[in-house]
Amino acid sequence: MPEYRTRVVDADQAGAIAHAAELLLAGEVVALPTETVYGLAGNALNPTSVERIFLAKMRPAFDPLIVHVADVDAIESLVRMTGPVQDQVDRLTRRFWPGPLTLLLPRTPKVADPVTAGLDSVAVRAPGHRVFRRVLEATRVPLAAPSANRFGRISPTAAAHVMAELQGRIPLILDGGPTRLGLESTIVRPTGECLEILRPGPVTADALREFGDVVYRSPAGSGPVEVPGQLPSHYAPNRPVILIDRLDQVVNPERAALLVWGALPENHPDLAFAASLSETCDLAEAGARLFRLLRAADEQPGVGAIYVQRVPEEGLGAAIMNRLRRAAAKREL
């Protein structure tokens, strides 16, 4: 792939949006913020642009991408819906779009095979971040956009994180400040009868229940990856992540980083790094801080392992624990 001189540009700078749109329409890729994490966007209808996403991220071809659109009207040519599914999608998009809900739907031939990893479904969502929406308005094409990091690594929640991950691999990063939610979107497959959660996220199971019965679906052990974030190991720092319930489970504290749920105890041992996901036990704050603190712990000199205290698995806690389990999973060598 080509070597780039990666530029970080304030998204509010004059001409920044137009320049990003020009690059995207020319088949290039651009990193830009969403309300969840920073994404690496490419023209979803241009095979060259889609290929550059996979190359920049070193992402395997079997892992599909999410296609971002301005509104529900923009998915008409991309997906096939009938009857109860159409009704369910209409209700869901009226409530949650633009926002952090991705819908997995049967695709039309207009969607290129690389976007969906050759599968018969495509994941679509309308992002809520003003910068991403301005770029969609300027390009007038759907944009495929996975998280703007090397494959399997910690998702970026600030422009500096993208630069650390992809410097020299992409031409432009639009800086829109830190992301608000910090966790990737909820991915749901509407069936007309129920809603299958394929990846938990900011739109919780409780919020979805008024639209149908909610069930969690995990990928079959030998089946294809249907949506991003389903691999056993993902969102992972370089150091091993160890999940704990009690602080006395930390081993070799002088080489340990510790992320706690609640306030740091005053008598905690001398640690290489210590921080709280939320001192007030606020799940929204913990979600927004999770990836930033994992990255900070991973970059701290002398850290041999990152210990993270489990959070309650209710509401947004289900999404936080989903990310932590994958960050802590055994990695393939």
Protein backbone atom coordinates (compact mmCIF):
# COMPACT_ATOMS: atom_id res chain seq x y z
CA MET A 1 0.00 0.00 0.00
CA PRO A 2 1.18 3.61 -0.51
CA GLU A 3 3.01 5.49 2.24
CA TYR A 4 1.16 8.65 3.30
CA ARG A 5 2.10 11.81 5.13
CA THR A 6 -0.87 11.63 7.46
CA ARG A 7 -2.41 15.00 8.32
CA VAL A 8 -4.63 15.78 11.31
CA VAL A 9 -7.01 18.61 10.50
CA ASP A 10 -9.56 20.29 12.75
CA ALA A 11 -12.94 19.33 11.30
CA ASP A 12 -14.17 22.92 11.79
CA GLN A 13 -11.29 24.39 9.81
CA ALA A 14 -12.38 26.04 6.58
CA GLY A 15 -12.32 23.57 3.71
CA ALA A 16 -11.74 20.50 5.92
CA ILE A 17 -15.03 18.78 5.11
CA ALA A 18 -14.72 19.55 1.40
CA HIS A 19 -11.17 18.14 1.34
CA ALA A 20 -12.28 14.96 3.11
CA ALA A 21 -15.14 14.55 0.62
CA GLU A 22 -12.77 15.09 -2.31
CA LEU A 23 -10.46 12.34 -1.04
CA LEU A 24 -13.33 9.92 -0.44
CA LEU A 25 -14.83 10.48 -3.90
CA ALA A 26 -11.36 9.86 -5.39
CA GLY A 27 -11.25 6.41 -3.75
CA GLU A 28 -9.14 7.34 -0.71
CA VAL A 29 -9.93 6.73 2.96
CA VAL A 30 -10.37 9.28 5.74
CA ALA A 31 -10.59 8.88 9.52
CA LEU A 32 -13.37 10.86 11.17
CA PRO A 33 -15.34 10.86 14.41
CA THR A 34 -18.65 9.26 15.13
CA GLU A 35 -20.54 9.53 18.41
CA THR A 36 -19.20 6.05 19.29
CA VAL A 37 -15.53 5.79 18.19
CA TYR A 38 -13.45 7.20 15.34
CA GLY A 39 -14.11 5.43 12.04
CA LEU A 40 -12.00 4.84 8.93
CA ALA A 41 -14.32 5.81 6.10
CA GLY A 42 -14.27 4.85 2.45
CA ASN A 43 -16.78 5.02 -0.39
CA ALA A 44 -18.86 1.86 0.09
CA LEU A 45 -19.64 1.74 -3.64
CA ASN A 46 -16.00 1.98 -4.74
CA PRO A 47 -14.06 -1.34 -4.53
CA THR A 48 -10.72 0.49 -4.47
CA SER A 49 -11.76 2.58 -1.50
CA VAL A 50 -13.07 -0.49 0.35
CA GLU A 51 -9.82 -2.36 -0.36
CA ARG A 52 -7.84 0.55 1.13
CA ILE A 53 -9.83 0.28 4.37
CA PHE A 54 -8.82 -3.38 4.72
CA LEU A 55 -5.19 -2.65 3.82
CA ALA A 56 -4.82 0.31 6.18
CA LYS A 57 -6.29 -1.62 9.11
CA MET A 58 -4.63 -4.94 8.18
CA ARG A 59 -8.14 -6.32 8.50
CA PRO A 60 -8.93 -9.85 7.28
CA ALA A 61 -11.30 -10.06 4.32
CA PHE A 62 -13.73 -12.29 6.24
CA ASP A 63 -14.68 -9.48 8.67
CA PRO A 64 -17.53 -7.35 7.19
CA LEU A 65 -17.88 -3.59 7.42
CA ILE A 66 -20.70 -1.29 8.56
CA VAL A 67 -22.11 1.05 5.92
CA HIS A 68 -22.98 4.56 7.17
CA VAL A 69 -25.77 6.57 5.56
CA ALA A 70 -27.50 9.90 6.13
CA ASP A 71 -30.98 8.52 6.81
CA VAL A 72 -33.33 5.60 6.26
CA ASP A 73 -34.14 6.71 2.71
CA ALA A 74 -30.49 6.17 1.78
CA ILE A 75 -30.66 2.41 2.45
CA GLU A 76 -33.48 1.73 -0.04
CA SER A 77 -31.06 0.72 -2.80
CA LEU A 78 -28.76 -1.19 -0.43
CA VAL A 79 -31.17 -3.54 1.39
CA ARG A 80 -34.24 -5.69 0.78
CA MET A 81 -37.10 -5.50 3.30
CA THR A 82 -40.65 -6.79 3.28
CA GLY A 83 -43.64 -6.93 5.60
CA PRO A 84 -42.94 -7.22 9.32
CA VAL A 85 -39.21 -6.53 8.95
CA GLN A 86 -39.94 -3.29 7.09
CA ASP A 87 -42.36 -2.23 9.82
CA GLN A 88 -39.84 -3.05 12.53
CA VAL A 89 -37.05 -1.16 10.75
CA ASP A 90 -39.28 1.88 10.26
CA ARG A 91 -40.04 1.99 13.98
CA LEU A 92 -36.42 1.43 15.03
CA THR A 93 -35.01 4.10 12.73
CA ARG A 94 -37.63 6.65 13.78
CA ARG A 95 -36.52 6.13 17.38
CA PHE A 96 -32.78 5.56 17.17
CA TRP A 97 -31.50 7.15 13.92
CA PRO A 98 -29.32 9.05 13.67
CA GLY A 99 -27.55 7.27 16.49
CA PRO A 100 -25.57 4.24 17.68
CA LEU A 101 -27.84 1.47 16.33
CA THR A 102 -26.69 -0.69 13.40
CA LEU A 103 -29.19 -2.91 11.58
CA LEU A 104 -28.20 -6.12 9.77
CA LEU A 105 -30.45 -6.57 6.74
CA PRO A 106 -30.52 -8.60 3.49
CA ARG A 107 -28.48 -6.77 0.88
CA THR A 108 -29.01 -5.91 -2.76
CA PRO A 109 -26.39 -6.49 -5.51
CA LYS A 110 -25.48 -2.79 -5.29
CA VAL A 111 -23.41 -3.56 -2.17
CA ALA A 112 -20.00 -4.90 -3.16
CA ASP A 113 -18.94 -8.32 -1.86
CA PRO A 114 -15.85 -7.01 0.00
CA VAL A 115 -18.05 -4.78 2.18
CA THR A 116 -20.08 -7.76 3.41
CA ALA A 117 -17.30 -10.38 3.24
CA GLY A 118 -19.44 -12.08 0.60
CA LEU A 119 -22.39 -12.58 2.95
CA ASP A 120 -26.02 -11.98 1.99
CA SER A 121 -26.57 -9.28 4.62
CA VAL A 122 -25.21 -5.78 5.10
CA ALA A 123 -24.91 -3.77 8.33
CA VAL A 124 -26.18 -0.19 8.04
CA ARG A 125 -26.51 2.77 10.37
CA ALA A 126 -27.01 6.54 10.34
CA PRO A 127 -24.36 8.13 12.58
CA GLY A 128 -25.28 11.02 14.82
CA HIS A 129 -21.97 12.91 14.92
CA ARG A 130 -22.17 16.29 13.19
CA VAL A 131 -18.78 15.85 11.45
CA PHE A 132 -19.63 12.48 9.96
CA ARG A 133 -23.03 13.79 8.87
CA ARG A 134 -21.45 16.78 7.16
CA VAL A 135 -19.11 14.44 5.26
CA LEU A 136 -22.05 12.25 4.21
CA GLU A 137 -23.86 15.35 2.98
CA ALA A 138 -20.80 16.47 1.02
CA THR A 139 -20.10 13.10 -0.63
CA ARG A 140 -23.70 11.91 -1.14
CA VAL A 141 -22.50 8.29 -1.11
CA PRO A 142 -22.73 5.61 1.59
CA LEU A 143 -19.50 5.30 3.57
CA ALA A 144 -18.12 2.03 4.89
CA ALA A 145 -16.38 2.79 8.18
CA PRO A 146 -14.95 0.34 10.71
CA SER A 147 -13.05 1.68 13.71
CA ALA A 148 -9.93 3.62 12.74
CA ASN A 149 -7.32 1.33 14.31
CA ARG A 150 -5.23 -1.66 13.35
CA PHE A 151 -7.31 -4.81 13.33
CA GLY A 152 -8.07 -6.31 16.75
CA ARG A 153 -6.61 -3.37 18.66
CA ILE A 154 -8.23 -0.88 21.02
CA SER A 155 -10.80 1.29 19.26
CA PRO A 156 -9.82 5.00 19.04
CA THR A 157 -11.85 7.65 20.81
CA ALA A 158 -9.65 10.64 19.88
CA ALA A 159 -7.76 11.80 16.80
CA ALA A 160 -4.43 11.20 18.57
CA HIS A 161 -5.35 7.53 18.99
CA VAL A 162 -5.95 7.23 15.25
CA MET A 163 -2.59 8.83 14.53
CA ALA A 164 -0.88 6.36 16.88
CA GLU A 165 -2.53 3.47 15.05
CA LEU A 166 -2.54 4.50 11.39
CA GLN A 167 0.13 7.16 10.86
CA GLY A 168 1.59 6.73 7.37
CA ARG A 169 -1.24 4.42 6.32
CA ILE A 170 -3.97 7.00 5.58
CA PRO A 171 -3.90 10.55 4.19
CA LEU A 172 -6.23 12.44 6.54
CA ILE A 173 -7.72 12.44 10.04
CA LEU A 174 -10.55 14.87 10.75
CA ASP A 175 -10.31 15.90 14.40
CA GLY A 176 -13.74 16.38 15.94
CA GLY A 177 -12.61 16.06 19.54
CA PRO A 178 -13.12 13.06 21.85
CA THR A 179 -16.05 10.80 21.07
CA ARG A 180 -19.06 11.02 23.37
CA LEU A 181 -20.07 7.39 23.89
CA GLY A 182 -16.75 5.55 23.56
CA LEU A 183 -18.28 2.15 22.65
CA GLU A 184 -19.16 0.88 19.18
CA SER A 185 -22.78 0.79 18.06
CA THR A 186 -25.28 -1.89 19.03
CA ILE A 187 -25.80 -4.30 16.12
CA VAL A 188 -29.26 -5.83 15.74
CA ARG A 189 -30.85 -8.14 13.19
CA PRO A 190 -34.61 -7.44 12.97
CA THR A 191 -36.55 -10.59 12.05
CA GLY A 192 -40.06 -9.13 12.16
CA GLU A 193 -40.78 -11.23 15.24
CA CYS A 194 -37.77 -10.47 17.44
CA LEU A 195 -34.58 -8.42 17.59
CA GLU A 196 -31.36 -10.42 17.60
CA ILE A 197 -28.52 -8.54 19.32
CA LEU A 198 -25.29 -9.52 17.55
CA ARG A 199 -23.13 -6.96 19.36
CA PRO A 200 -24.26 -5.08 22.49
CA GLY A 201 -23.66 -1.36 22.55
CA PRO A 202 -25.05 2.00 23.67
CA VAL A 203 -28.62 1.13 22.64
CA THR A 204 -29.39 -1.36 25.39
CA ALA A 205 -31.59 -4.46 25.41
CA ASP A 206 -34.05 -2.64 27.69
CA ALA A 207 -34.42 0.18 25.17
CA LEU A 208 -35.05 -2.31 22.36
CA ARG A 209 -37.72 -4.40 24.08
CA GLU A 210 -40.59 -2.13 23.13
CA PHE A 211 -39.88 -3.04 19.48
CA GLY A 212 -39.98 -6.83 19.89
CA ASP A 213 -38.63 -9.73 21.92
CA VAL A 214 -34.88 -9.37 22.38
CA VAL A 215 -32.46 -12.29 22.11
CA TYR A 216 -28.67 -12.41 22.12
CA ARG A 217 -27.02 -14.29 19.24
CA SER A 218 -23.40 -15.41 19.29
CA PRO A 219 -21.63 -16.51 16.09
CA ALA A 220 -21.47 -20.24 15.55
CA GLY A 221 -18.04 -21.61 16.41
CA SER A 222 -17.40 -22.76 12.85
CA GLY A 223 -19.66 -20.24 11.07
CA PRO A 224 -18.79 -16.96 9.38
CA VAL A 225 -18.35 -13.67 11.21
CA GLU A 226 -21.61 -11.86 10.44
CA VAL A 227 -20.80 -8.44 11.90
CA PRO A 228 -17.79 -6.60 13.35
CA GLY A 229 -16.72 -7.38 16.91
CA GLN A 230 -17.68 -11.07 16.96
CA LEU A 231 -14.20 -12.58 17.05
CA PRO A 232 -13.20 -14.07 20.43
CA SER A 233 -10.21 -11.72 20.77
CA HIS A 234 -10.78 -8.08 19.90
CA TYR A 235 -10.39 -4.54 21.30
CA ALA A 236 -7.09 -5.76 22.73
CA PRO A 237 -4.08 -3.81 24.02
CA ASN A 238 -0.56 -5.20 23.71
CA ARG A 239 -0.45 -6.16 27.40
CA PRO A 240 -2.66 -8.99 28.63
CA VAL A 241 -5.97 -7.96 30.20
CA ILE A 242 -7.08 -9.79 33.36
CA LEU A 243 -10.62 -9.38 34.70
CA ILE A 244 -11.01 -9.36 38.49
CA ASP A 245 -13.74 -8.95 41.08
CA ARG A 246 -11.57 -7.86 44.02
CA LEU A 247 -8.51 -5.65 44.18
CA ASP A 248 -6.57 -8.23 46.20
CA GLN A 249 -6.48 -10.39 43.06
CA VAL A 250 -3.81 -8.14 41.51
CA VAL A 251 -0.46 -9.94 41.20
CA ASN A 252 2.90 -8.09 41.11
CA PRO A 253 1.33 -4.66 41.64
CA GLU A 254 4.54 -2.81 40.81
CA ARG A 255 4.16 -4.09 37.21
CA ALA A 256 0.38 -3.87 37.10
CA ALA A 257 -2.07 -1.36 35.69
CA LEU A 258 -5.43 -1.31 37.45
CA LEU A 259 -8.80 0.02 36.27
CA VAL A 260 -11.38 -0.07 39.06
CA TRP A 261 -15.15 0.25 39.23
CA GLY A 262 -15.79 3.03 41.73
CA ALA A 263 -13.29 5.12 43.65
CA LEU A 264 -9.68 4.05 43.98
CA PRO A 265 -9.07 2.86 47.54
CA GLU A 266 -6.75 5.11 49.53
CA ASN A 267 -4.62 2.16 50.65
CA HIS A 268 -4.12 0.58 47.22
CA PRO A 269 -0.59 -0.76 46.65
CA ASP A 270 2.03 1.03 44.58
CA LEU A 271 0.92 0.32 41.04
CA ALA A 272 2.51 1.17 37.71
CA PHE A 273 -0.82 2.76 36.70
CA ALA A 274 -4.20 3.15 38.39
CA ALA A 275 -7.45 4.82 37.33
CA SER A 276 -11.18 4.53 37.82
CA LEU A 277 -13.64 3.71 35.07
CA SER A 278 -16.13 5.80 37.05
CA GLU A 279 -15.69 6.95 40.63
CA THR A 280 -19.48 7.35 40.93
CA CYS A 281 -20.22 3.94 39.34
CA ASP A 282 -21.84 5.54 36.30
CA LEU A 283 -21.96 3.05 33.42
CA ALA A 284 -22.18 5.77 30.76
CA GLU A 285 -19.01 7.38 32.10
CA ALA A 286 -17.30 3.99 32.27
CA GLY A 287 -18.20 3.27 28.65
CA ALA A 288 -16.89 6.62 27.49
CA ARG A 289 -13.60 6.14 29.41
CA LEU A 290 -12.97 2.43 28.80
CA PHE A 291 -10.91 2.45 25.61
CA ARG A 292 -9.03 5.63 26.53
CA LEU A 293 -7.96 4.15 29.87
CA LEU A 294 -7.03 0.79 28.34
CA ARG A 295 -4.82 2.63 25.88
CA ALA A 296 -3.25 4.79 28.61
CA ALA A 297 -2.52 1.70 30.72
CA ASP A 298 -1.04 -0.11 27.74
CA GLU A 299 1.33 2.78 27.01
CA GLN A 300 2.58 3.08 30.59
CA PRO A 301 6.24 1.97 30.90
CA GLY A 302 6.80 -1.06 33.09
CA VAL A 303 3.27 -2.45 32.86
CA GLY A 304 3.18 -6.22 32.48
CA ALA A 305 -0.57 -6.78 32.79
CA ILE A 306 -3.75 -4.71 32.90
CA TYR A 307 -6.25 -5.67 35.62
CA VAL A 308 -9.81 -4.48 35.15
CA GLN A 309 -12.53 -4.79 37.77
CA ARG A 310 -15.79 -6.14 36.36
CA VAL A 311 -18.76 -3.78 36.12
CA PRO A 312 -22.42 -4.78 36.71
CA GLU A 313 -23.73 -6.56 33.61
CA GLU A 314 -26.91 -4.56 33.31
CA GLY A 315 -27.88 -1.92 30.77
CA LEU A 316 -24.74 -0.49 29.19
CA GLY A 317 -22.69 -2.80 31.42
CA ALA A 318 -23.45 -5.65 29.00
CA ALA A 319 -21.60 -3.80 26.23
CA ILE A 320 -18.69 -2.88 28.51
CA MET A 321 -18.24 -6.47 29.65
CA ASN A 322 -18.54 -7.70 26.05
CA ARG A 323 -15.56 -5.52 25.11
CA LEU A 324 -13.58 -6.49 28.21
CA ARG A 325 -14.07 -10.24 27.68
CA ARG A 326 -12.81 -9.94 24.13
CA ALA A 327 -9.88 -7.78 25.24
CA ALA A 328 -9.00 -10.44 27.82
CA ALA A 329 -9.50 -13.45 25.51
CA LYS A 330 -6.62 -15.69 24.57
CA ARG A 331 -5.07 -14.50 21.34
CA GLU A 332 -4.18 -16.59 18.35
CA LEU A 333 -0.44 -16.58 17.73
